[in-house]
Amino acid sequence: MKNIPFFVPSEKTIKAKVRQLVFDARPKCPRCRKASPVRRSEQRYRCRKCRRPFSLTSHTWLSSMKISWSKLWTLLCCELRNSI
């Protein structure tokens, strides 16, 4: 196995990238698709229309993730490097 070093950004940077990929320009409620949520914390939102809370990972394959964002980044980088 190749020992290729790579840079792991901060969790804040990783979350910003995921937010950009999941929500495009603006966060949208995964239930009603309304694009005007209220931000409750760094990761949590509440929809103004249906009043349901949601996060970056709500209704995605990451919803029950039990590992840190930095470990997820590392795993994805390793997988991408191995597939090349």
N, C-alpha and C. Protein backbone atom coordinates (compact mmCIF):
# COMPACT_ATOMS: atom_id res chain seq x y z
N MET A 1 0.84 -1.18 0.00
CA MET A 1 0.00 0.00 0.00
C MET A 1 0.89 1.24 0.00
N LYS A 2 0.52 2.20 -0.82
CA LYS A 2 1.30 3.43 -0.90
C LYS A 2 1.07 4.28 0.33
N ASN A 3 2.12 4.89 0.77
CA ASN A 3 2.04 5.78 1.94
C ASN A 3 2.09 7.22 1.44
N ILE A 4 0.95 7.72 0.97
CA ILE A 4 0.89 9.06 0.40
C ILE A 4 0.30 10.01 1.43
N PRO A 5 1.06 10.99 1.87
CA PRO A 5 0.52 11.95 2.85
C PRO A 5 -0.47 12.89 2.17
N PHE A 6 -1.47 13.29 2.91
CA PHE A 6 -2.41 14.29 2.41
C PHE A 6 -2.84 15.18 3.56
N PHE A 7 -3.34 16.33 3.21
CA PHE A 7 -3.73 17.34 4.18
C PHE A 7 -5.17 17.11 4.63
N VAL A 8 -5.39 17.07 5.93
CA VAL A 8 -6.74 16.95 6.48
C VAL A 8 -7.14 18.32 7.03
N PRO A 9 -8.12 18.97 6.40
CA PRO A 9 -8.54 20.30 6.87
C PRO A 9 -9.25 20.23 8.21
N SER A 10 -9.52 21.39 8.76
CA SER A 10 -10.24 21.44 10.04
C SER A 10 -11.67 20.97 9.86
N GLU A 11 -12.32 20.58 10.96
CA GLU A 11 -13.70 20.12 10.90
C GLU A 11 -14.63 21.21 10.37
N LYS A 12 -14.33 22.45 10.71
CA LYS A 12 -15.14 23.58 10.24
C LYS A 12 -15.08 23.68 8.72
N THR A 13 -13.89 23.51 8.16
CA THR A 13 -13.71 23.57 6.71
C THR A 13 -14.40 22.39 6.03
N ILE A 14 -14.30 21.21 6.62
CA ILE A 14 -14.96 20.03 6.06
C ILE A 14 -16.47 20.23 6.05
N LYS A 15 -17.03 20.73 7.15
CA LYS A 15 -18.48 20.97 7.22
C LYS A 15 -18.92 22.01 6.20
N ALA A 16 -18.09 23.02 5.99
CA ALA A 16 -18.42 24.04 4.98
C ALA A 16 -18.46 23.43 3.58
N LYS A 17 -17.51 22.55 3.28
CA LYS A 17 -17.50 21.87 1.99
C LYS A 17 -18.72 20.96 1.83
N VAL A 18 -19.05 20.21 2.87
CA VAL A 18 -20.22 19.33 2.83
C VAL A 18 -21.49 20.17 2.67
N ARG A 19 -21.58 21.27 3.40
CA ARG A 19 -22.74 22.17 3.30
C ARG A 19 -22.90 22.67 1.86
N GLN A 20 -21.78 23.01 1.24
CA GLN A 20 -21.80 23.49 -0.14
C GLN A 20 -22.26 22.38 -1.10
N LEU A 21 -21.79 21.16 -0.88
CA LEU A 21 -22.18 20.04 -1.75
C LEU A 21 -23.64 19.63 -1.55
N VAL A 22 -24.09 19.59 -0.30
CA VAL A 22 -25.44 19.12 0.00
C VAL A 22 -26.49 20.17 -0.36
N PHE A 23 -26.24 21.42 0.01
CA PHE A 23 -27.26 22.46 -0.12
C PHE A 23 -27.08 23.39 -1.31
N ASP A 24 -26.05 23.26 -2.10
CA ASP A 24 -25.73 24.22 -3.16
C ASP A 24 -25.53 25.61 -2.53
N ALA A 25 -26.34 26.58 -2.92
CA ALA A 25 -26.13 27.94 -2.43
C ALA A 25 -26.77 28.17 -1.05
N ARG A 26 -27.98 27.66 -0.84
CA ARG A 26 -28.70 27.91 0.40
C ARG A 26 -29.23 26.60 0.98
N PRO A 27 -29.23 26.48 2.30
CA PRO A 27 -29.79 25.28 2.93
C PRO A 27 -31.28 25.15 2.62
N LYS A 28 -31.72 23.91 2.37
CA LYS A 28 -33.13 23.63 2.11
C LYS A 28 -33.60 22.54 3.07
N CYS A 29 -34.82 22.66 3.48
CA CYS A 29 -35.41 21.64 4.34
C CYS A 29 -35.55 20.34 3.54
N PRO A 30 -35.07 19.22 4.08
CA PRO A 30 -35.18 17.96 3.34
C PRO A 30 -36.61 17.44 3.26
N ARG A 31 -37.51 17.93 4.09
CA ARG A 31 -38.91 17.46 4.06
C ARG A 31 -39.77 18.26 3.10
N CYS A 32 -39.78 19.58 3.23
CA CYS A 32 -40.67 20.40 2.40
C CYS A 32 -39.93 21.15 1.29
N ARG A 33 -38.60 21.09 1.27
CA ARG A 33 -37.73 21.71 0.27
C ARG A 33 -37.76 23.23 0.28
N LYS A 34 -38.26 23.83 1.35
CA LYS A 34 -38.28 25.28 1.48
C LYS A 34 -36.85 25.76 1.77
N ALA A 35 -36.44 26.86 1.14
CA ALA A 35 -35.06 27.32 1.26
C ALA A 35 -34.93 28.54 2.17
N SER A 36 -35.64 28.54 3.28
CA SER A 36 -35.51 29.67 4.22
C SER A 36 -35.46 29.18 5.66
N PRO A 37 -34.45 28.41 6.01
CA PRO A 37 -34.36 27.90 7.38
C PRO A 37 -33.79 28.92 8.35
N VAL A 38 -34.02 28.67 9.61
CA VAL A 38 -33.41 29.45 10.68
C VAL A 38 -32.25 28.62 11.21
N ARG A 39 -31.09 29.23 11.30
CA ARG A 39 -29.91 28.51 11.80
C ARG A 39 -29.93 28.52 13.31
N ARG A 40 -29.93 27.33 13.92
CA ARG A 40 -29.98 27.20 15.37
C ARG A 40 -28.59 27.08 15.98
N SER A 41 -27.69 26.45 15.26
CA SER A 41 -26.31 26.30 15.70
C SER A 41 -25.46 26.10 14.45
N GLU A 42 -24.21 25.74 14.63
CA GLU A 42 -23.33 25.58 13.48
C GLU A 42 -23.81 24.46 12.55
N GLN A 43 -24.42 23.42 13.11
CA GLN A 43 -24.85 22.29 12.30
C GLN A 43 -26.36 22.13 12.19
N ARG A 44 -27.11 22.79 13.03
CA ARG A 44 -28.56 22.55 13.09
C ARG A 44 -29.35 23.72 12.51
N TYR A 45 -30.44 23.37 11.83
CA TYR A 45 -31.35 24.35 11.24
C TYR A 45 -32.78 23.98 11.65
N ARG A 46 -33.69 24.95 11.50
CA ARG A 46 -35.12 24.69 11.68
C ARG A 46 -35.84 25.34 10.51
N CYS A 47 -36.72 24.58 9.89
CA CYS A 47 -37.48 25.07 8.75
C CYS A 47 -38.55 26.06 9.21
N ARG A 48 -38.67 27.17 8.51
CA ARG A 48 -39.70 28.16 8.87
C ARG A 48 -41.09 27.70 8.45
N LYS A 49 -41.17 26.88 7.41
CA LYS A 49 -42.47 26.44 6.92
C LYS A 49 -43.03 25.27 7.73
N CYS A 50 -42.29 24.17 7.81
CA CYS A 50 -42.80 22.99 8.52
C CYS A 50 -42.29 22.89 9.96
N ARG A 51 -41.39 23.77 10.34
CA ARG A 51 -40.86 23.89 11.70
C ARG A 51 -40.10 22.64 12.17
N ARG A 52 -39.64 21.83 11.25
CA ARG A 52 -38.86 20.63 11.59
C ARG A 52 -37.38 20.96 11.66
N PRO A 53 -36.68 20.40 12.65
CA PRO A 53 -35.23 20.59 12.69
C PRO A 53 -34.55 19.67 11.68
N PHE A 54 -33.42 20.13 11.17
CA PHE A 54 -32.62 19.29 10.28
C PHE A 54 -31.16 19.72 10.36
N SER A 55 -30.29 18.91 9.80
CA SER A 55 -28.86 19.18 9.83
C SER A 55 -28.26 18.91 8.46
N LEU A 56 -26.95 19.02 8.36
CA LEU A 56 -26.25 18.74 7.11
C LEU A 56 -26.48 17.32 6.63
N THR A 57 -26.61 16.41 7.55
CA THR A 57 -26.70 14.99 7.20
C THR A 57 -28.12 14.43 7.20
N SER A 58 -29.12 15.24 7.51
CA SER A 58 -30.50 14.75 7.55
C SER A 58 -30.92 14.20 6.19
N HIS A 59 -31.51 13.01 6.21
CA HIS A 59 -32.03 12.35 5.01
C HIS A 59 -30.94 12.08 3.97
N THR A 60 -29.73 11.80 4.43
CA THR A 60 -28.64 11.40 3.54
C THR A 60 -28.03 10.11 4.08
N TRP A 61 -27.11 9.55 3.33
CA TRP A 61 -26.44 8.33 3.79
C TRP A 61 -25.53 8.61 4.98
N LEU A 62 -25.30 9.87 5.30
CA LEU A 62 -24.47 10.24 6.45
C LEU A 62 -25.28 10.45 7.72
N SER A 63 -26.58 10.25 7.67
CA SER A 63 -27.45 10.60 8.80
C SER A 63 -27.13 9.86 10.09
N SER A 64 -26.65 8.65 10.01
CA SER A 64 -26.33 7.92 11.24
C SER A 64 -24.81 7.73 11.41
N MET A 65 -24.07 8.69 10.89
CA MET A 65 -22.62 8.63 10.96
C MET A 65 -22.14 8.71 12.41
N LYS A 66 -21.26 7.81 12.78
CA LYS A 66 -20.73 7.76 14.14
C LYS A 66 -19.25 8.12 14.22
N ILE A 67 -18.68 8.55 13.11
CA ILE A 67 -17.27 8.93 13.11
C ILE A 67 -17.15 10.44 12.94
N SER A 68 -16.00 10.97 13.24
CA SER A 68 -15.79 12.41 13.13
C SER A 68 -15.68 12.81 11.65
N TRP A 69 -15.87 14.10 11.41
CA TRP A 69 -15.75 14.61 10.05
C TRP A 69 -14.34 14.43 9.50
N SER A 70 -13.33 14.59 10.35
CA SER A 70 -11.95 14.43 9.87
C SER A 70 -11.66 12.98 9.50
N LYS A 71 -12.22 12.03 10.24
CA LYS A 71 -12.04 10.61 9.88
C LYS A 71 -12.77 10.30 8.57
N LEU A 72 -13.95 10.86 8.39
CA LEU A 72 -14.68 10.66 7.14
C LEU A 72 -13.87 11.22 5.97
N TRP A 73 -13.31 12.41 6.13
CA TRP A 73 -12.47 13.02 5.09
C TRP A 73 -11.29 12.11 4.75
N THR A 74 -10.63 11.59 5.79
CA THR A 74 -9.48 10.71 5.59
C THR A 74 -9.89 9.44 4.84
N LEU A 75 -11.01 8.84 5.23
CA LEU A 75 -11.49 7.63 4.55
C LEU A 75 -11.81 7.90 3.08
N LEU A 76 -12.47 9.02 2.81
CA LEU A 76 -12.81 9.36 1.43
C LEU A 76 -11.55 9.62 0.60
N CYS A 77 -10.58 10.31 1.18
CA CYS A 77 -9.32 10.56 0.46
C CYS A 77 -8.60 9.26 0.16
N CYS A 78 -8.55 8.36 1.12
CA CYS A 78 -7.90 7.06 0.90
C CYS A 78 -8.61 6.27 -0.18
N GLU A 79 -9.92 6.27 -0.15
CA GLU A 79 -10.70 5.56 -1.16
C GLU A 79 -10.47 6.14 -2.55
N LEU A 80 -10.45 7.45 -2.64
CA LEU A 80 -10.20 8.08 -3.94
C LEU A 80 -8.80 7.80 -4.45
N ARG A 81 -7.82 7.82 -3.57
CA ARG A 81 -6.44 7.54 -3.98
C ARG A 81 -6.28 6.09 -4.42
N ASN A 82 -6.99 5.18 -3.79
CA ASN A 82 -6.89 3.77 -4.15
C ASN A 82 -7.62 3.46 -5.46
N SER A 83 -8.58 4.27 -5.82
CA SER A 83 -9.33 4.01 -7.05
C SER A 83 -8.66 4.56 -8.30
N ILE A 84 -7.63 5.37 -8.09
CA ILE A 84 -6.93 5.96 -9.26
C ILE A 84 -5.93 4.99 -9.82
